[in-house]
Each structure stands twice: as C-alpha cells, then as structure tokens.
C-alpha atoms as a PDB file:
ATOM      1  CA  UNK A   1     -41.346 -43.723 -31.785  1.00  0.00           C
ATOM      2  CA  UNK A   2     -43.615 -45.749 -29.419  1.00  0.00           C
ATOM      3  CA  UNK A   3     -46.449 -45.123 -30.949  1.00  0.00           C
ATOM      4  CA  UNK A   4     -46.000 -47.065 -34.655  1.00  0.00           C
ATOM      5  CA  UNK A   5     -44.697 -49.945 -33.000  1.00  0.00           C
ATOM      6  CA  UNK A   6     -47.733 -51.823 -34.121  1.00  0.00           C
ATOM      7  CA  UNK A   7     -46.598 -55.070 -34.723  1.00  0.00           C
ATOM      8  CA  UNK A   8     -47.095 -56.799 -31.436  1.00  0.00           C
ATOM      9  CA  UNK A   9     -49.199 -59.849 -31.582  1.00  0.00           C
ATOM     10  CA  UNK A  10     -50.847 -59.806 -28.126  1.00  0.00           C
ATOM     11  CA  UNK A  11     -52.222 -56.528 -25.611  1.00  0.00           C
ATOM     12  CA  UNK A  12     -49.830 -57.475 -22.761  1.00  0.00           C
ATOM     13  CA  UNK A  13     -51.085 -56.351 -19.446  1.00  0.00           C
ATOM     14  CA  UNK A  14     -54.958 -56.562 -20.279  1.00  0.00           C
ATOM     15  CA  UNK A  15     -57.497 -59.095 -19.452  1.00  0.00           C
ATOM     16  CA  UNK A  16     -57.999 -61.469 -21.936  1.00  0.00           C
ATOM     17  CA  UNK A  17     -61.818 -61.620 -20.630  1.00  0.00           C
ATOM     18  CA  UNK A  18     -62.288 -57.966 -20.980  1.00  0.00           C
ATOM     19  CA  UNK A  19     -61.066 -57.735 -23.894  1.00  0.00           C
ATOM     20  CA  UNK A  20     -63.213 -61.270 -25.436  1.00  0.00           C
ATOM     21  CA  UNK A  21     -66.172 -59.181 -24.254  1.00  0.00           C
ATOM     22  CA  UNK A  22     -65.294 -56.106 -26.023  1.00  0.00           C
ATOM     23  CA  UNK A  23     -64.028 -58.279 -29.333  1.00  0.00           C
ATOM     24  CA  UNK A  24     -67.664 -59.970 -28.895  1.00  0.00           C
ATOM     25  CA  UNK A  25     -69.676 -57.013 -28.648  1.00  0.00           C
ATOM     26  CA  UNK A  26     -67.715 -55.287 -31.354  1.00  0.00           C
ATOM     27  CA  UNK A  27     -68.012 -58.563 -34.028  1.00  0.00           C
ATOM     28  CA  UNK A  28     -72.092 -58.049 -34.861  1.00  0.00           C
ATOM     29  CA  UNK A  29     -72.308 -60.778 -37.139  1.00  0.00           C
ATOM     30  CA  UNK A  30     -70.667 -63.444 -34.635  1.00  0.00           C
ATOM     31  CA  UNK A  31     -68.405 -64.603 -37.582  1.00  0.00           C
ATOM     32  CA  UNK A  32     -65.258 -64.636 -35.258  1.00  0.00           C
ATOM     33  CA  UNK A  33     -63.803 -61.729 -36.983  1.00  0.00           C
ATOM     34  CA  UNK A  34     -64.492 -58.096 -37.476  1.00  0.00           C
ATOM     35  CA  UNK A  35     -65.015 -56.342 -40.996  1.00  0.00           C
ATOM     36  CA  UNK A  36     -64.147 -52.823 -41.424  1.00  0.00           C
ATOM     37  CA  UNK A  37     -67.607 -51.864 -41.200  1.00  0.00           C
ATOM     38  CA  UNK A  38     -68.529 -53.497 -37.763  1.00  0.00           C
ATOM     39  CA  UNK A  39     -64.929 -51.677 -36.236  1.00  0.00           C
ATOM     40  CA  UNK A  40     -65.980 -48.251 -37.664  1.00  0.00           C
ATOM     41  CA  UNK A  41     -69.398 -48.751 -35.997  1.00  0.00           C
ATOM     42  CA  UNK A  42     -67.481 -49.451 -32.905  1.00  0.00           C
ATOM     43  CA  UNK A  43     -65.151 -46.680 -32.520  1.00  0.00           C
ATOM     44  CA  UNK A  44     -65.537 -43.489 -31.427  1.00  0.00           C
ATOM     45  CA  UNK A  45     -63.659 -40.282 -32.203  1.00  0.00           C
ATOM     46  CA  UNK A  46     -65.550 -38.205 -29.408  1.00  0.00           C
ATOM     47  CA  UNK A  47     -67.776 -36.000 -31.613  1.00  0.00           C
ATOM     48  CA  UNK A  48     -70.664 -38.148 -32.162  1.00  0.00           C
ATOM     49  CA  UNK A  49     -69.309 -38.451 -35.679  1.00  0.00           C
ATOM     50  CA  UNK A  50     -68.759 -41.993 -37.428  1.00  0.00           C
ATOM     51  CA  UNK A  51     -64.900 -42.766 -37.528  1.00  0.00           C
ATOM     52  CA  UNK A  52     -63.403 -42.120 -40.869  1.00  0.00           C
ATOM     53  CA  UNK A  53     -63.505 -45.540 -42.979  1.00  0.00           C
ATOM     54  CA  UNK A  54     -59.991 -44.363 -44.304  1.00  0.00           C
ATOM     55  CA  UNK A  55     -58.613 -44.259 -40.921  1.00  0.00           C
ATOM     56  CA  UNK A  56     -60.387 -47.726 -40.070  1.00  0.00           C
ATOM     57  CA  UNK A  57     -59.184 -49.210 -43.314  1.00  0.00           C
ATOM     58  CA  UNK A  58     -55.278 -48.277 -42.355  1.00  0.00           C
ATOM     59  CA  UNK A  59     -55.954 -50.010 -39.141  1.00  0.00           C
ATOM     60  CA  UNK A  60     -57.531 -53.224 -40.710  1.00  0.00           C
ATOM     61  CA  UNK A  61     -54.508 -53.114 -43.195  1.00  0.00           C
ATOM     62  CA  UNK A  62     -51.742 -52.874 -40.370  1.00  0.00           C
ATOM     63  CA  UNK A  63     -52.941 -55.244 -38.010  1.00  0.00           C
ATOM     64  CA  UNK A  64     -54.491 -58.132 -40.272  1.00  0.00           C
ATOM     65  CA  UNK A  65     -51.805 -60.187 -40.883  1.00  0.00           C
ATOM     66  CA  UNK A  66     -53.735 -63.319 -42.754  1.00  0.00           C
ATOM     67  CA  UNK A  67     -54.823 -60.662 -45.250  1.00  0.00           C
ATOM     68  CA  UNK A  68     -58.369 -61.762 -45.229  1.00  0.00           C
ATOM     69  CA  UNK A  69     -59.956 -58.465 -44.950  1.00  0.00           C
ATOM     70  CA  UNK A  70     -60.519 -58.765 -41.292  1.00  0.00           C
ATOM     71  CA  UNK A  71     -59.508 -58.444 -38.234  1.00  0.00           C
ATOM     72  CA  UNK A  72     -59.697 -62.145 -35.599  1.00  0.00           C
ATOM     73  CA  UNK A  73     -59.404 -62.176 -31.895  1.00  0.00           C
ATOM     74  CA  UNK A  74     -55.759 -61.691 -31.563  1.00  0.00           C
ATOM     75  CA  UNK A  75     -55.179 -59.140 -34.149  1.00  0.00           C
ATOM     76  CA  UNK A  76     -57.662 -57.349 -32.363  1.00  0.00           C
ATOM     77  CA  UNK A  77     -55.369 -57.282 -28.856  1.00  0.00           C
ATOM     78  CA  UNK A  78     -52.779 -55.841 -30.767  1.00  0.00           C
ATOM     79  CA  UNK A  79     -55.511 -53.270 -32.142  1.00  0.00           C
ATOM     80  CA  UNK A  80     -57.117 -52.612 -29.154  1.00  0.00           C
ATOM     81  CA  UNK A  81     -53.362 -51.349 -27.751  1.00  0.00           C
ATOM     82  CA  UNK A  82     -52.632 -49.819 -30.848  1.00  0.00           C
ATOM     83  CA  UNK A  83     -55.610 -47.653 -30.568  1.00  0.00           C
ATOM     84  CA  UNK A  84     -55.722 -47.097 -26.714  1.00  0.00           C
ATOM     85  CA  UNK A  85     -52.392 -45.842 -27.083  1.00  0.00           C
ATOM     86  CA  UNK A  86     -53.244 -43.594 -29.613  1.00  0.00           C
ATOM     87  CA  UNK A  87     -55.936 -42.416 -27.547  1.00  0.00           C
ATOM     88  CA  UNK A  88     -53.503 -41.372 -24.744  1.00  0.00           C
ATOM     89  CA  UNK A  89     -51.126 -39.555 -27.005  1.00  0.00           C
ATOM     90  CA  UNK A  90     -54.265 -37.906 -28.082  1.00  0.00           C
ATOM     91  CA  UNK A  91     -55.250 -36.568 -24.696  1.00  0.00           C
ATOM     92  CA  UNK A  92     -51.882 -35.730 -23.997  1.00  0.00           C
ATOM     93  CA  UNK A  93     -51.755 -33.079 -26.935  1.00  0.00           C
ATOM     94  CA  UNK A  94     -55.446 -32.186 -27.162  1.00  0.00           C
ATOM     95  CA  UNK A  95     -54.669 -29.324 -24.503  1.00  0.00           C
ATOM     96  CA  UNK A  96     -58.113 -27.502 -24.100  1.00  0.00           C
ATOM     97  CA  UNK A  97     -59.760 -30.833 -23.752  1.00  0.00           C
ATOM     98  CA  UNK A  98     -61.840 -29.930 -27.061  1.00  0.00           C
ATOM     99  CA  UNK A  99     -61.689 -33.359 -28.665  1.00  0.00           C
ATOM    100  CA  UNK A 100     -59.752 -32.327 -31.402  1.00  0.00           C
ATOM    101  CA  UNK A 101     -56.284 -30.858 -31.857  1.00  0.00           C
ATOM    102  CA  UNK A 102     -55.572 -27.303 -33.131  1.00  0.00           C
ATOM    103  CA  UNK A 103     -52.628 -26.228 -35.509  1.00  0.00           C
ATOM    104  CA  UNK A 104     -50.049 -25.516 -32.522  1.00  0.00           C
ATOM    105  CA  UNK A 105     -51.350 -28.681 -30.822  1.00  0.00           C
ATOM    106  CA  UNK A 106     -50.598 -30.630 -34.197  1.00  0.00           C
ATOM    107  CA  UNK A 107     -47.481 -29.091 -34.415  1.00  0.00           C
ATOM    108  CA  UNK A 108     -46.141 -29.941 -30.933  1.00  0.00           C
ATOM    109  CA  UNK A 109     -47.109 -33.306 -31.047  1.00  0.00           C
ATOM    110  CA  UNK A 110     -45.431 -33.897 -34.295  1.00  0.00           C
ATOM    111  CA  UNK A 111     -42.679 -32.061 -33.050  1.00  0.00           C
ATOM    112  CA  UNK A 112     -42.356 -34.436 -30.207  1.00  0.00           C
ATOM    113  CA  UNK A 113     -42.278 -37.266 -32.762  1.00  0.00           C
ATOM    114  CA  UNK A 114     -39.202 -36.053 -34.008  1.00  0.00           C
ATOM    115  CA  UNK A 115     -40.457 -34.174 -36.968  1.00  0.00           C
ATOM    116  CA  UNK A 116     -39.496 -30.546 -37.675  1.00  0.00           C
ATOM    117  CA  UNK A 117     -41.410 -29.381 -40.335  1.00  0.00           C
ATOM    118  CA  UNK A 118     -42.508 -25.604 -41.469  1.00  0.00           C
ATOM    119  CA  UNK A 119     -45.668 -23.321 -40.542  1.00  0.00           C
ATOM    120  CA  UNK A 120     -46.723 -23.347 -44.559  1.00  0.00           C
ATOM    121  CA  UNK A 121     -46.757 -27.358 -43.765  1.00  0.00           C
ATOM    122  CA  UNK A 122     -49.101 -27.680 -40.756  1.00  0.00           C
ATOM    123  CA  UNK A 123     -51.298 -25.507 -43.170  1.00  0.00           C
ATOM    124  CA  UNK A 124     -51.339 -28.265 -45.740  1.00  0.00           C
ATOM    125  CA  UNK A 125     -51.801 -30.619 -43.034  1.00  0.00           C
ATOM    126  CA  UNK A 126     -55.051 -29.521 -41.589  1.00  0.00           C
ATOM    127  CA  UNK A 127     -56.659 -28.851 -44.906  1.00  0.00           C
ATOM    128  CA  UNK A 128     -55.824 -32.395 -45.465  1.00  0.00           C
ATOM    129  CA  UNK A 129     -57.100 -34.314 -42.175  1.00  0.00           C
ATOM    130  CA  UNK A 130     -59.534 -32.002 -41.217  1.00  0.00           C
ATOM    131  CA  UNK A 131     -62.438 -33.086 -42.556  1.00  0.00           C
ATOM    132  CA  UNK A 132     -64.929 -30.816 -40.422  1.00  0.00           C
ATOM    133  CA  UNK A 133     -63.074 -27.821 -41.891  1.00  0.00           C
ATOM    134  CA  UNK A 134     -63.007 -26.818 -38.241  1.00  0.00           C
ATOM    135  CA  UNK A 135     -59.089 -25.660 -38.366  1.00  0.00           C
ATOM    136  CA  UNK A 136     -58.640 -28.877 -36.343  1.00  0.00           C
ATOM    137  CA  UNK A 137     -58.685 -32.589 -36.714  1.00  0.00           C
ATOM    138  CA  UNK A 138     -60.480 -35.144 -34.561  1.00  0.00           C
ATOM    139  CA  UNK A 139     -58.856 -38.395 -33.182  1.00  0.00           C
ATOM    140  CA  UNK A 140     -59.779 -40.492 -36.130  1.00  0.00           C
ATOM    141  CA  UNK A 141     -57.748 -37.962 -38.356  1.00  0.00           C
ATOM    142  CA  UNK A 142     -54.810 -37.649 -36.063  1.00  0.00           C
ATOM    143  CA  UNK A 143     -54.296 -41.514 -36.389  1.00  0.00           C
ATOM    144  CA  UNK A 144     -54.537 -40.978 -40.196  1.00  0.00           C
ATOM    145  CA  UNK A 145     -52.436 -38.220 -40.160  1.00  0.00           C
ATOM    146  CA  UNK A 146     -49.665 -39.811 -37.894  1.00  0.00           C
ATOM    147  CA  UNK A 147     -49.804 -42.859 -39.744  1.00  0.00           C
ATOM    148  CA  UNK A 148     -49.464 -41.364 -43.288  1.00  0.00           C
ATOM    149  CA  UNK A 149     -47.103 -38.993 -42.337  1.00  0.00           C
ATOM    150  CA  UNK A 150     -44.583 -42.288 -40.443  1.00  0.00           C
ATOM    151  CA  UNK A 151     -45.449 -44.104 -43.791  1.00  0.00           C
ATOM    152  CA  UNK A 152     -44.297 -41.461 -46.083  1.00  0.00           C
ATOM    153  CA  UNK A 153     -41.443 -40.713 -44.346  1.00  0.00           C
ATOM    154  CA  UNK A 154     -40.011 -44.447 -44.162  1.00  0.00           C
ATOM    155  CA  UNK A 155     -40.538 -44.435 -47.949  1.00  0.00           C
ATOM    156  CA  UNK A 156     -38.688 -41.155 -48.290  1.00  0.00           C
ATOM    157  CA  UNK A 157     -35.423 -42.898 -45.995  1.00  0.00           C
ATOM    158  CA  UNK A 158     -35.343 -45.791 -48.388  1.00  0.00           C
ATOM    159  CA  UNK A 159     -33.877 -42.978 -51.352  1.00  0.00           C
ATOM    160  CA  UNK A 160     -32.336 -40.474 -48.252  1.00  0.00           C
ATOM    161  CA  UNK A 161     -29.221 -42.410 -49.047  1.00  0.00           C
ATOM    162  CA  UNK A 162     -26.888 -39.689 -47.277  1.00  0.00           C
ATOM    163  CA  UNK A 163     -29.571 -39.384 -44.426  1.00  0.00           C
ATOM    164  CA  UNK A 164     -29.508 -35.815 -44.576  1.00  0.00           C
ATOM    165  CA  UNK A 165     -32.911 -34.666 -45.665  1.00  0.00           C
ATOM    166  CA  UNK A 166     -33.318 -34.975 -49.638  1.00  0.00           C
ATOM    167  CA  UNK A 167     -33.843 -37.597 -52.177  1.00  0.00           C
ATOM    168  CA  UNK A 168     -33.240 -37.685 -55.817  1.00  0.00           C
ATOM    169  CA  UNK A 169     -36.142 -39.436 -57.541  1.00  0.00           C
ATOM    170  CA  UNK A 170     -37.119 -39.693 -61.340  1.00  0.00           C
ATOM    171  CA  UNK A 171     -40.939 -38.166 -61.496  1.00  0.00           C
ATOM    172  CA  UNK A 172     -41.959 -41.095 -62.508  1.00  0.00           C
ATOM    173  CA  UNK A 173     -40.618 -43.585 -59.890  1.00  0.00           C
ATOM    174  CA  UNK A 174     -41.856 -40.570 -57.538  1.00  0.00           C
ATOM    175  CA  UNK A 175     -45.358 -41.229 -59.205  1.00  0.00           C
ATOM    176  CA  UNK A 176     -45.007 -45.618 -59.176  1.00  0.00           C
ATOM    177  CA  UNK A 177     -44.200 -45.086 -55.178  1.00  0.00           C
ATOM    178  CA  UNK A 178     -47.358 -42.376 -54.239  1.00  0.00           C
ATOM    179  CA  UNK A 179     -49.750 -44.550 -56.480  1.00  0.00           C
ATOM    180  CA  UNK A 180     -48.031 -47.612 -54.753  1.00  0.00           C
ATOM    181  CA  UNK A 181     -49.042 -45.980 -51.511  1.00  0.00           C
ATOM    182  CA  UNK A 182     -52.081 -46.113 -51.966  1.00  0.00           C
ATOM    183  CA  UNK A 183     -52.726 -49.842 -52.641  1.00  0.00           C
ATOM    184  CA  UNK A 184     -50.016 -50.260 -50.020  1.00  0.00           C
ATOM    185  CA  UNK A 185     -51.824 -51.070 -46.373  1.00  0.00           C
ATOM    186  CA  UNK A 186     -50.357 -48.979 -44.476  1.00  0.00           C
END
C-alpha cells in the first residue's frame, strides 16, 4: 500500500524553495518547527471546518522522528508528500466531488487497498469516523480511518501466525494491545 509509506525523509520532486515558503507560513511563531496547533490551522479538509485534531496528532507522531512533539523542515517534507498523496487518493474515491467519502466510496477505497470487510463493518467505520453525522467522512477523517485500520492490521498480523485471518489472543493481552495503541504514535 503506497499510501502508508511515510518513512521517506524528503519530498522528492518538490521544489525545496516552495516547500520552505509553505513551511515558513505554517510556522507562525517562527520557532523553526511546526506544532500540532500550527499544523491544524494550516490544513484544510475542504469543508471549511477545522482539521480533526486527532488526525493532526497522528500525523505529527508519524513524522516527528526526533520525538520532540513538533515537525522540523526535513520532517515537514515527508509530511507534505504524505498529505498530498492522501489528497490524490481522496479525490480519486470522492467520485461525486462532494468533499466527503460516503459509505460506497469508502468501501471502494478500502477494497482497493486490499481490505475485505463486511457491509456491517463499513457502518461501524462511518459511525466512528463521521464526525459530522452526515453519513460520510471528510478528508481528515478519511486519513485517520485509513491510518487506524492499517495500524490495527499491522498489530493483528503479528498474532495471525498462520496468516489465515484469525488470531487467538488472551483477553488481558488484547486489552494491553488496545490501550498500547492509544498511547502509541501511529
């Protein structure tokens, strides 16, 4: 899944001067790094509503390689590429150009990523990631949904020893995994 390859350290093909100008605009306090508040204010999900703070936190955690809670310029390059790739993906599946992905579009997107989920589970995903209660997910919530599913899938694979889609996990170990994911930086 190409959209989860966020380990790149630079943004290939992107003019570094352009990237620096964007970084400088986002870095409102001129600290040389971008906080989650600055990033949230800079990002747009296309619906004139603030970007989901949880999604911002996930992205900061993914790209903050020095673990200081902010994004420096080098880390910003990788984040910029990641968000741009997600925008392309989102637009590809937002077939009606509504600015949100409905249940059918979400199913198409996740199916193309290799997930085979029940219709009932898509209802659960919508309830979880549809902050507006509109029966669809916005750009920022789509990113969060996909990152969470991928993270949980990666953990599940560690326990699916026979690679058959089943895992046997004692209850307390399951709770430890779930609570560990809440603390973990995706």
